């Protein structure tokens, strides 16, 4: 079965957006690769771009594996920790 990476990124963006200190800058589902850009709302420099691999792994722009689509909430929480955000 083929993984719907766009749906995975939409879910990731929703969970990341639940964190009080994070804001979604962009959700680019039609780009190649599709990605979501997230930033700490109190810092212009604390930003990260996240993609979803065909295997369902959320990967940062620098290659860090945040987690999988099976536990998207934990993957979003890991990104929040990396961006110094408060818990959801």
N, C-alpha and C. Protein backbone atom coordinates (compact mmCIF):
# COMPACT_ATOMS: atom_id res chain seq x y z
N UNK A 1 0.83 -1.19 0.00
CA UNK A 1 0.00 0.00 0.00
C UNK A 1 0.88 1.25 0.00
N UNK A 2 0.54 2.20 -0.83
CA UNK A 2 1.31 3.45 -0.98
C UNK A 2 0.91 4.44 0.12
N UNK A 3 1.89 5.02 0.76
CA UNK A 3 1.65 5.99 1.82
C UNK A 3 1.28 7.34 1.20
N UNK A 4 0.27 7.99 1.74
CA UNK A 4 -0.14 9.32 1.29
C UNK A 4 0.68 10.35 2.07
N UNK A 5 1.81 10.77 1.50
CA UNK A 5 2.69 11.68 2.22
C UNK A 5 2.05 13.06 2.44
N UNK A 6 1.18 13.48 1.54
CA UNK A 6 0.49 14.76 1.72
C UNK A 6 -0.39 14.71 2.97
N UNK A 7 -1.12 13.63 3.13
CA UNK A 7 -1.96 13.47 4.32
C UNK A 7 -1.10 13.41 5.57
N UNK A 8 0.03 12.73 5.50
CA UNK A 8 0.94 12.65 6.65
C UNK A 8 1.44 14.03 7.04
N UNK A 9 1.78 14.85 6.06
CA UNK A 9 2.25 16.21 6.36
C UNK A 9 1.14 17.10 6.89
N UNK A 10 -0.07 16.92 6.39
CA UNK A 10 -1.20 17.68 6.94
C UNK A 10 -1.41 17.34 8.40
N UNK A 11 -1.33 16.06 8.72
CA UNK A 11 -1.49 15.63 10.12
C UNK A 11 -0.35 16.18 10.98
N UNK A 12 0.87 16.14 10.44
CA UNK A 12 2.02 16.68 11.18
C UNK A 12 1.83 18.17 11.45
N UNK A 13 1.41 18.90 10.44
CA UNK A 13 1.19 20.35 10.60
C UNK A 13 0.13 20.62 11.66
N UNK A 14 -0.93 19.83 11.67
CA UNK A 14 -1.99 20.02 12.67
C UNK A 14 -1.44 19.81 14.07
N UNK A 15 -0.69 18.72 14.27
CA UNK A 15 -0.14 18.43 15.60
C UNK A 15 0.92 19.46 16.00
N UNK A 16 1.76 19.87 15.07
CA UNK A 16 2.76 20.89 15.40
C UNK A 16 2.08 22.22 15.75
N UNK A 17 1.02 22.56 15.05
CA UNK A 17 0.30 23.79 15.30
C UNK A 17 -0.40 23.85 16.65
N UNK A 18 -0.57 22.70 17.29
CA UNK A 18 -1.19 22.66 18.62
C UNK A 18 -0.23 23.16 19.71
N UNK A 19 1.05 23.21 19.41
CA UNK A 19 2.03 23.70 20.38
C UNK A 19 1.95 25.22 20.43
N UNK A 20 1.85 25.75 21.63
CA UNK A 20 1.60 27.18 21.83
C UNK A 20 2.65 28.07 21.18
N UNK A 21 3.89 27.62 21.13
CA UNK A 21 4.97 28.47 20.63
C UNK A 21 5.30 28.24 19.16
N UNK A 22 4.61 27.33 18.50
CA UNK A 22 4.91 27.03 17.10
C UNK A 22 3.86 27.60 16.18
N UNK A 23 4.30 27.99 15.01
CA UNK A 23 3.39 28.44 13.97
C UNK A 23 3.79 27.76 12.66
N UNK A 24 2.81 27.45 11.85
CA UNK A 24 3.06 26.84 10.55
C UNK A 24 3.29 27.97 9.55
N UNK A 25 4.49 28.02 8.97
CA UNK A 25 4.79 29.05 7.98
C UNK A 25 4.20 28.69 6.63
N UNK A 26 4.37 27.44 6.24
CA UNK A 26 3.82 27.01 4.95
C UNK A 26 3.63 25.50 4.94
N UNK A 27 2.67 25.08 4.16
CA UNK A 27 2.39 23.67 3.93
C UNK A 27 2.36 23.52 2.42
N UNK A 28 3.44 23.03 1.85
CA UNK A 28 3.60 22.96 0.40
C UNK A 28 3.43 21.52 -0.07
N UNK A 29 2.21 21.14 -0.31
CA UNK A 29 1.91 19.75 -0.66
C UNK A 29 2.14 19.44 -2.13
N UNK A 30 2.17 20.46 -2.98
CA UNK A 30 2.36 20.21 -4.41
C UNK A 30 3.81 20.39 -4.85
N UNK A 31 4.70 20.74 -3.93
CA UNK A 31 6.10 20.87 -4.29
C UNK A 31 6.75 19.48 -4.28
N UNK A 32 7.96 19.40 -4.81
CA UNK A 32 8.65 18.11 -4.86
C UNK A 32 10.02 18.25 -4.22
N UNK A 33 10.22 17.80 -2.99
CA UNK A 33 9.24 17.05 -2.20
C UNK A 33 8.27 17.98 -1.46
N UNK A 34 7.15 17.42 -1.09
CA UNK A 34 6.18 18.16 -0.28
C UNK A 34 6.81 18.40 1.10
N UNK A 35 6.44 19.51 1.72
CA UNK A 35 7.02 19.83 3.03
C UNK A 35 6.09 20.71 3.84
N UNK A 36 6.40 20.79 5.13
CA UNK A 36 5.76 21.75 6.03
C UNK A 36 6.89 22.54 6.68
N UNK A 37 6.73 23.85 6.75
CA UNK A 37 7.71 24.72 7.37
C UNK A 37 7.13 25.23 8.69
N UNK A 38 7.86 25.01 9.76
CA UNK A 38 7.39 25.35 11.11
C UNK A 38 8.42 26.27 11.76
N UNK A 39 7.94 27.23 12.55
CA UNK A 39 8.87 28.10 13.27
C UNK A 39 8.36 28.37 14.68
N UNK A 40 9.31 28.72 15.52
CA UNK A 40 8.98 29.19 16.85
C UNK A 40 8.46 30.62 16.67
N UNK A 41 7.26 30.88 17.13
CA UNK A 41 6.63 32.18 16.86
C UNK A 41 7.35 33.36 17.52
N UNK A 42 8.27 33.08 18.43
CA UNK A 42 9.00 34.14 19.12
C UNK A 42 10.40 34.35 18.56
N UNK A 43 10.74 33.64 17.50
CA UNK A 43 12.07 33.76 16.92
C UNK A 43 12.01 33.62 15.40
N UNK A 44 12.65 34.53 14.71
CA UNK A 44 12.70 34.46 13.26
C UNK A 44 13.71 33.43 12.78
N UNK A 45 14.61 33.01 13.66
CA UNK A 45 15.66 32.08 13.25
C UNK A 45 15.39 30.63 13.63
N UNK A 46 14.49 30.38 14.57
CA UNK A 46 14.18 29.00 14.96
C UNK A 46 13.09 28.46 14.04
N UNK A 47 13.51 27.95 12.91
CA UNK A 47 12.58 27.40 11.91
C UNK A 47 13.08 26.04 11.46
N UNK A 48 12.16 25.25 10.93
CA UNK A 48 12.55 23.95 10.39
C UNK A 48 11.58 23.54 9.30
N UNK A 49 12.13 22.88 8.30
CA UNK A 49 11.34 22.32 7.21
C UNK A 49 11.31 20.81 7.39
N UNK A 50 10.13 20.24 7.32
CA UNK A 50 9.95 18.81 7.54
C UNK A 50 9.31 18.18 6.32
N UNK A 51 9.87 17.05 5.89
CA UNK A 51 9.28 16.26 4.81
C UNK A 51 8.86 14.91 5.38
N UNK A 52 8.15 14.16 4.57
CA UNK A 52 7.73 12.81 4.96
C UNK A 52 8.23 11.85 3.90
N UNK A 53 9.01 10.85 4.31
CA UNK A 53 9.55 9.88 3.37
C UNK A 53 8.46 8.92 2.91
N UNK A 54 8.74 8.18 1.87
CA UNK A 54 7.79 7.18 1.37
C UNK A 54 7.50 6.09 2.40
N UNK A 55 8.42 5.92 3.34
CA UNK A 55 8.24 4.93 4.41
C UNK A 55 7.48 5.50 5.60
N UNK A 56 7.15 6.79 5.56
CA UNK A 56 6.37 7.40 6.63
C UNK A 56 7.19 8.03 7.73
N UNK A 57 8.46 8.32 7.48
CA UNK A 57 9.32 8.96 8.48
C UNK A 57 9.33 10.47 8.25
N UNK A 58 9.17 11.23 9.33
CA UNK A 58 9.27 12.69 9.26
C UNK A 58 10.75 13.06 9.40
N UNK A 59 11.26 13.81 8.41
CA UNK A 59 12.68 14.14 8.34
C UNK A 59 12.85 15.65 8.28
N UNK A 60 13.77 16.18 9.10
CA UNK A 60 14.06 17.61 9.06
C UNK A 60 14.94 17.93 7.85
N UNK A 61 15.12 19.21 7.59
CA UNK A 61 15.94 19.63 6.45
C UNK A 61 17.40 19.22 6.60
N UNK A 62 17.84 18.97 7.82
CA UNK A 62 19.22 18.56 8.04
C UNK A 62 19.35 17.06 8.28
N UNK A 63 18.28 16.30 7.99
CA UNK A 63 18.34 14.85 8.00
C UNK A 63 17.99 14.17 9.30
N UNK A 64 17.53 14.92 10.30
CA UNK A 64 17.17 14.31 11.57
C UNK A 64 15.80 13.66 11.46
N UNK A 65 15.68 12.43 11.90
CA UNK A 65 14.42 11.69 11.86
C UNK A 65 13.63 11.98 13.13
N UNK A 66 12.51 12.68 12.96
CA UNK A 66 11.68 13.08 14.10
C UNK A 66 10.81 11.94 14.62
N UNK A 67 10.40 11.05 13.75
CA UNK A 67 9.50 9.97 14.11
C UNK A 67 8.77 9.49 12.87
N UNK A 68 7.71 8.75 13.09
CA UNK A 68 6.98 8.17 11.96
C UNK A 68 5.52 8.60 11.95
N UNK A 69 4.88 8.34 10.84
CA UNK A 69 3.46 8.65 10.67
C UNK A 69 2.59 7.82 11.61
N UNK A 70 3.14 6.74 12.14
CA UNK A 70 2.39 5.91 13.09
C UNK A 70 2.22 6.62 14.43
N UNK A 71 3.10 7.55 14.74
CA UNK A 71 3.03 8.31 15.99
C UNK A 71 3.35 9.78 15.70
N UNK A 72 2.48 10.40 14.92
CA UNK A 72 2.70 11.77 14.46
C UNK A 72 2.75 12.76 15.62
N UNK A 73 1.98 12.52 16.65
CA UNK A 73 1.97 13.42 17.80
C UNK A 73 3.35 13.50 18.46
N UNK A 74 4.00 12.36 18.61
CA UNK A 74 5.35 12.35 19.19
C UNK A 74 6.37 13.01 18.28
N UNK A 75 6.22 12.81 16.99
CA UNK A 75 7.14 13.44 16.03
C UNK A 75 7.02 14.96 16.10
N UNK A 76 5.79 15.46 16.18
CA UNK A 76 5.58 16.90 16.29
C UNK A 76 6.11 17.42 17.64
N UNK A 77 5.95 16.64 18.70
CA UNK A 77 6.48 17.04 20.00
C UNK A 77 8.00 17.10 19.98
N UNK A 78 8.63 16.19 19.25
CA UNK A 78 10.09 16.21 19.14
C UNK A 78 10.55 17.48 18.43
N UNK A 79 9.83 17.87 17.38
CA UNK A 79 10.18 19.11 16.69
C UNK A 79 9.98 20.30 17.61
N UNK A 80 8.91 20.31 18.37
CA UNK A 80 8.66 21.40 19.31
C UNK A 80 9.81 21.51 20.31
N UNK A 81 10.30 20.38 20.79
CA UNK A 81 11.43 20.38 21.71
C UNK A 81 12.67 20.99 21.02
N UNK A 82 12.92 20.58 19.79
CA UNK A 82 14.09 21.09 19.05
C UNK A 82 14.00 22.59 18.80
N UNK A 83 12.77 23.09 18.65
CA UNK A 83 12.57 24.51 18.39
C UNK A 83 12.29 25.28 19.68
N UNK A 84 12.55 24.66 20.82
CA UNK A 84 12.40 25.29 22.13
C UNK A 84 10.99 25.81 22.38
N UNK A 85 10.00 25.01 22.02
CA UNK A 85 8.61 25.39 22.22
C UNK A 85 8.03 24.71 23.44
N UNK A 86 7.00 25.31 24.00
CA UNK A 86 6.30 24.71 25.13
C UNK A 86 5.45 23.53 24.66
N UNK A 87 5.18 22.55 25.53
CA UNK A 87 4.35 21.40 25.15
C UNK A 87 2.94 21.83 24.74
N UNK A 88 2.29 20.95 23.98
CA UNK A 88 0.91 21.22 23.53
C UNK A 88 -0.02 21.14 24.71
